[in-house]
């Protein structure tokens, strides 16, 4: 019995510099993953981001007007938002 096409494993071959491979291996090791699993997950995540960033949405005029109003007149800042904006990003610490 033949498996559906989306379940069949296919080979993806790429060339990399030794330092790129070593960097990927180091990150994969820290996550307890294989190089292949790490690379596939990272590549799929990036592919999804690219596709989602290029999604086109259409709305009717009243919905767009409401959206514009929210952009032009944002909600007032709260203490929680102020704390968030003052918090350093993990890579800044």
Protein backbone atom coordinates (compact mmCIF):
# COMPACT_ATOMS: atom_id res chain seq x y z
CA UNK A 1 0.00 0.00 0.00
CA UNK A 2 1.36 3.37 -1.00
CA UNK A 3 1.50 6.23 1.53
CA UNK A 4 -0.02 9.59 0.66
CA UNK A 5 2.54 11.84 -0.98
CA UNK A 6 2.74 14.31 1.93
CA UNK A 7 3.85 11.51 4.28
CA UNK A 8 6.70 10.28 2.14
CA UNK A 9 10.13 11.46 3.19
CA UNK A 10 12.05 13.31 0.53
CA UNK A 11 15.64 14.39 0.49
CA UNK A 12 16.69 18.05 0.62
CA UNK A 13 20.37 18.66 -0.05
CA UNK A 14 22.16 21.92 0.65
CA UNK A 15 25.78 23.03 0.79
CA UNK A 16 27.06 24.98 3.77
CA UNK A 17 30.35 26.34 5.01
CA UNK A 18 31.94 24.48 7.90
CA UNK A 19 31.30 27.35 10.31
CA UNK A 20 27.61 27.43 9.34
CA UNK A 21 27.31 23.70 9.89
CA UNK A 22 29.09 24.00 13.24
CA UNK A 23 26.79 26.81 14.35
CA UNK A 24 23.71 24.80 13.39
CA UNK A 25 25.10 21.70 15.11
CA UNK A 26 25.81 23.65 18.28
CA UNK A 27 22.28 25.06 18.42
CA UNK A 28 20.70 21.69 17.59
CA UNK A 29 22.76 20.02 20.32
CA UNK A 30 21.63 22.59 22.89
CA UNK A 31 18.02 21.76 22.03
CA UNK A 32 18.65 18.03 22.03
CA UNK A 33 17.78 17.72 18.35
CA UNK A 34 19.41 16.37 15.27
CA UNK A 35 20.81 18.74 12.69
CA UNK A 36 18.08 17.73 10.22
CA UNK A 37 15.25 18.27 12.70
CA UNK A 38 16.66 21.63 13.74
CA UNK A 39 17.12 22.82 10.15
CA UNK A 40 13.70 21.62 9.00
CA UNK A 41 11.93 23.30 11.91
CA UNK A 42 13.82 26.58 11.39
CA UNK A 43 13.25 26.53 7.64
CA UNK A 44 9.54 25.74 7.98
CA UNK A 45 9.08 28.45 10.61
CA UNK A 46 10.73 31.00 8.31
CA UNK A 47 8.70 29.80 5.32
CA UNK A 48 5.46 30.25 7.29
CA UNK A 49 6.54 33.77 8.31
CA UNK A 50 7.26 34.71 4.70
CA UNK A 51 3.91 33.39 3.51
CA UNK A 52 1.95 34.99 6.36
CA UNK A 53 3.69 38.34 5.84
CA UNK A 54 2.50 38.34 2.25
CA UNK A 55 -1.08 37.42 2.98
CA UNK A 56 -3.61 39.82 1.49
CA UNK A 57 -6.69 40.73 3.49
CA UNK A 58 -9.75 42.52 2.23
CA UNK A 59 -12.35 44.21 4.39
CA UNK A 60 -15.39 46.33 3.76
CA UNK A 61 -15.26 50.13 4.11
CA UNK A 62 -16.78 50.27 7.61
CA UNK A 63 -14.34 47.66 8.97
CA UNK A 64 -11.41 49.53 7.45
CA UNK A 65 -12.67 52.81 8.92
CA UNK A 66 -12.85 51.18 12.36
CA UNK A 67 -9.31 49.83 11.90
CA UNK A 68 -8.06 53.29 10.88
CA UNK A 69 -9.71 54.82 13.94
CA UNK A 70 -7.91 52.37 16.22
CA UNK A 71 -4.60 53.24 14.60
CA UNK A 72 -5.22 56.99 14.75
CA UNK A 73 -6.59 57.00 18.30
CA UNK A 74 -4.85 54.23 20.28
CA UNK A 75 -5.95 53.23 23.73
CA UNK A 76 -4.29 55.13 26.58
CA UNK A 77 -1.12 53.54 28.00
CA UNK A 78 -1.44 51.51 31.17
CA UNK A 79 1.04 50.79 33.94
CA UNK A 80 1.46 47.27 32.54
CA UNK A 81 2.36 48.67 29.10
CA UNK A 82 4.80 51.17 30.63
CA UNK A 83 6.55 48.35 32.52
CA UNK A 84 6.73 46.27 29.36
CA UNK A 85 8.27 49.10 27.36
CA UNK A 86 10.90 49.69 30.07
CA UNK A 87 11.90 46.01 30.21
CA UNK A 88 15.11 45.16 28.41
CA UNK A 89 15.01 42.48 25.76
CA UNK A 90 16.83 39.27 26.74
CA UNK A 91 19.63 40.00 24.27
CA UNK A 92 20.19 43.46 25.80
CA UNK A 93 20.91 42.19 29.31
